[in-house]
Protein backbone atom coordinates (compact mmCIF):
# COMPACT_ATOMS: atom_id res chain seq x y z
CA MET A 1 -45.24 -18.69 -52.35
CA THR A 2 -44.04 -19.74 -48.90
CA ARG A 3 -42.85 -17.15 -46.48
CA ILE A 4 -39.86 -18.05 -44.36
CA HIS A 5 -39.46 -16.21 -41.11
CA LEU A 6 -35.97 -16.10 -39.77
CA TYR A 7 -35.65 -15.62 -36.07
CA GLN A 8 -32.38 -14.99 -34.34
CA MET A 9 -31.90 -17.02 -31.23
CA PRO A 10 -31.30 -14.82 -28.18
CA VAL A 11 -27.77 -14.93 -26.85
CA PRO A 12 -27.58 -15.58 -23.11
CA ARG A 13 -26.31 -12.56 -21.23
CA ASN A 14 -23.88 -14.00 -18.74
CA ASN A 15 -20.20 -13.29 -18.59
CA TYR A 16 -19.12 -16.80 -17.70
CA SER A 17 -16.12 -17.73 -19.77
CA GLY A 18 -14.89 -20.84 -18.06
CA PRO A 19 -13.07 -21.81 -14.91
CA VAL A 20 -10.75 -19.39 -13.14
CA PHE A 21 -7.18 -20.68 -13.20
CA GLY A 22 -5.58 -17.76 -11.41
CA VAL A 23 -5.92 -14.09 -10.49
CA VAL A 24 -3.51 -11.19 -11.05
CA GLY A 25 -3.79 -8.44 -8.41
CA GLY A 26 -4.44 -6.56 -6.16
CA SER A 27 -2.47 -3.44 -6.19
CA TYR A 28 -2.81 -2.91 -2.45
CA SER A 29 -1.76 -5.33 0.26
CA SER A 30 -5.04 -4.82 2.12
CA VAL A 31 -6.94 -6.03 -0.96
CA SER A 32 -4.57 -8.95 -1.61
CA LEU A 33 -4.84 -10.12 1.99
CA GLN A 34 -8.60 -10.45 1.66
CA VAL A 35 -8.58 -11.88 -1.86
CA ALA A 36 -5.83 -14.39 -1.01
CA ASN A 37 -7.90 -15.71 1.89
CA LEU A 38 -10.89 -16.25 -0.39
CA LEU A 39 -8.97 -17.71 -3.35
CA GLY A 40 -7.04 -20.04 -1.06
CA LEU A 41 -10.29 -21.76 -0.10
CA PHE A 42 -10.66 -22.81 -3.76
CA HIS A 43 -6.95 -23.50 -4.35
CA ILE A 44 -6.77 -20.70 -6.93
CA PRO A 45 -3.36 -19.02 -7.27
CA GLN A 46 -2.97 -15.26 -7.04
CA ILE A 47 0.00 -13.16 -8.13
CA SER A 48 0.34 -9.52 -7.21
CA PRO A 49 2.58 -6.95 -8.90
CA ALA A 50 2.37 -4.50 -5.99
CA SER A 51 1.34 -6.08 -2.66
CA THR A 52 4.23 -5.83 -0.23
CA ALA A 53 2.77 -6.71 3.20
CA LYS A 54 5.04 -9.04 5.13
CA ALA A 55 2.01 -11.08 6.25
CA LEU A 56 1.60 -12.29 2.65
CA SER A 57 4.96 -14.09 2.97
CA ASP A 58 3.42 -16.57 5.43
CA LYS A 59 3.06 -19.67 3.24
CA THR A 60 1.10 -21.52 5.93
CA ARG A 61 -1.68 -18.92 5.51
CA PHE A 62 -1.19 -17.89 1.88
CA LYS A 63 0.16 -20.90 0.02
CA TYR A 64 -1.51 -19.85 -3.26
CA PHE A 65 -0.19 -16.27 -3.17
CA ALA A 66 2.90 -14.99 -5.00
CA ARG A 67 4.23 -11.52 -5.73
CA THR A 68 6.67 -9.85 -8.07
CA VAL A 69 7.93 -7.28 -5.54
CA PRO A 70 9.76 -7.81 -2.25
CA PRO A 71 7.95 -7.45 1.09
CA ASP A 72 7.89 -4.16 3.03
CA THR A 73 10.80 -5.24 5.23
CA PHE A 74 13.19 -4.71 2.31
CA GLN A 75 11.72 -1.29 1.50
CA SER A 76 11.85 -0.21 5.15
CA SER A 77 15.47 -1.27 5.47
CA ALA A 78 16.36 0.57 2.26
CA LEU A 79 14.69 3.74 3.57
CA VAL A 80 16.80 3.57 6.74
CA ASP A 81 19.89 3.10 4.52
CA ILE A 82 18.97 6.29 2.65
CA VAL A 83 18.38 8.24 5.88
CA LYS A 84 21.78 7.10 7.22
CA SER A 85 23.54 7.85 3.91
CA VAL A 86 22.54 11.53 4.15
CA ASN A 87 23.57 11.61 7.83
CA TRP A 88 20.11 12.25 9.23
CA SER A 89 19.55 11.10 12.81
CA TYR A 90 16.21 12.80 13.51
CA VAL A 91 13.31 12.44 11.06
CA SER A 92 9.54 12.62 10.99
CA THR A 93 7.40 9.94 9.37
CA ILE A 94 4.03 9.87 7.65
CA TYR A 95 2.25 6.61 6.91
CA SER A 96 -1.06 5.54 5.40
CA GLU A 97 -3.71 3.78 7.43
CA GLY A 98 -3.88 0.12 6.42
CA SER A 99 -1.57 -2.85 6.20
CA TYR A 100 0.92 -1.26 3.77
CA GLY A 101 1.58 1.91 5.73
CA GLU A 102 1.18 0.57 9.25
CA TYR A 103 3.32 -2.56 8.86
CA GLY A 104 5.89 -0.76 6.73
CA ILE A 105 6.38 2.12 9.13
CA GLU A 106 6.55 -0.30 12.07
CA VAL A 107 9.53 -2.02 10.45
CA PHE A 108 11.08 1.35 9.52
CA HIS A 109 10.79 2.60 13.12
CA ARG A 110 12.34 -0.59 14.49
CA GLU A 111 15.23 -0.50 11.97
CA ALA A 112 15.72 3.24 12.57
CA GLN A 113 15.93 2.76 16.33
CA GLU A 114 18.46 -0.05 15.95
CA ARG A 115 20.58 2.25 13.78
CA ASN A 116 20.36 5.34 16.01
CA VAL A 117 17.80 7.30 14.00
CA CYS A 118 15.23 9.05 16.19
CA ILE A 119 11.65 9.69 15.14
CA ALA A 120 10.45 13.26 15.77
CA THR A 121 6.81 12.48 15.08
CA ALA A 122 4.86 9.73 13.33
CA GLU A 123 1.65 10.85 11.63
CA LYS A 124 -1.01 8.50 10.27
CA VAL A 125 -3.05 9.47 7.19
CA PRO A 126 -6.59 8.13 7.69
CA SER A 127 -8.11 6.17 4.81
CA ALA A 128 -10.66 8.88 4.03
CA ALA A 129 -8.50 11.91 4.84
CA ASP A 130 -9.68 15.29 3.62
CA ASP A 131 -7.68 18.48 2.96
CA LYS A 132 -8.06 19.61 6.58
CA GLU A 133 -6.50 16.38 7.87
CA PHE A 134 -3.57 16.69 5.45
CA ASP A 135 -3.08 20.32 6.55
CA ASN A 136 -3.07 19.24 10.23
CA ILE A 137 -0.41 16.62 9.52
CA ILE A 138 1.77 19.21 7.79
CA LEU A 139 1.32 21.68 10.66
CA LYS A 140 2.40 18.99 13.16
CA LEU A 141 5.52 18.34 11.07
CA LYS A 142 6.26 22.05 10.99
CA LYS A 143 6.47 22.08 14.80
CA LYS A 144 9.36 19.61 14.71
CA ILE A 145 11.88 22.16 13.50
CA ASN A 146 14.94 19.99 14.22
CA ALA A 147 13.76 17.05 12.10
CA ARG A 148 16.08 16.76 9.11
CA GLY A 149 13.59 15.10 6.77
CA VAL A 150 10.26 13.36 6.37
CA VAL A 151 9.95 9.69 5.44
CA LEU A 152 6.71 8.70 3.71
CA PHE A 153 5.32 5.19 3.88
CA THR A 154 2.10 6.05 2.12
CA ARG A 155 -0.13 5.11 -0.76
CA ALA A 156 0.65 7.11 -3.89
CA GLU A 157 -2.53 9.17 -3.61
CA ASP A 158 -1.70 10.10 -0.01
CA ALA A 159 1.79 11.23 -1.03
CA ARG A 160 0.30 13.38 -3.81
CA HIS A 161 -2.15 15.00 -1.37
CA ILE A 162 0.61 15.67 1.18
CA LEU A 163 2.79 17.38 -1.41
CA LYS A 164 -0.15 19.34 -2.82
CA ARG A 165 -1.29 20.56 0.60
CA LYS A 166 2.28 21.36 1.65
CA SER A 167 2.53 23.85 -1.20
CA ASN A 168 -0.53 25.66 0.25
CA ILE A 169 1.09 26.10 3.69
CA LYS A 170 4.04 28.39 4.33
CA MET A 171 6.88 26.34 5.78
């Protein structure tokens, strides 16, 4: 009687599945700016559902980048429209550190100034802000008693932290 030994061939453990034809993402402009630079070197297209930085509109630098949302300039202009529609002429602003918040609030401030809206204070949320930093921002806003509202140009997680910390401080 002949014994037959069956051996299973080992399967290579790499995740290579073929060439990359395109990339979807990132969710933040700061990520897309870096990824678009890299992918552009290889002529690989990138499409982002959330990156709004105006810099990404520069087709001489980012010819393989596309997005499904408008750039920050539209959002900033719309925010000024809202401020004007409720007859506010003096507001505070909070913005996230990074391309989204910094470029967006820059456009908002410029549009606001052109349309006679004054900025009481502009507070930046650092990338690695802790509860104490959020509390300090809220306390600075509290000192501007004549400001009619607060405009946020922040990442979602920064907005959540601001609102959470605000509920811990008596206004």
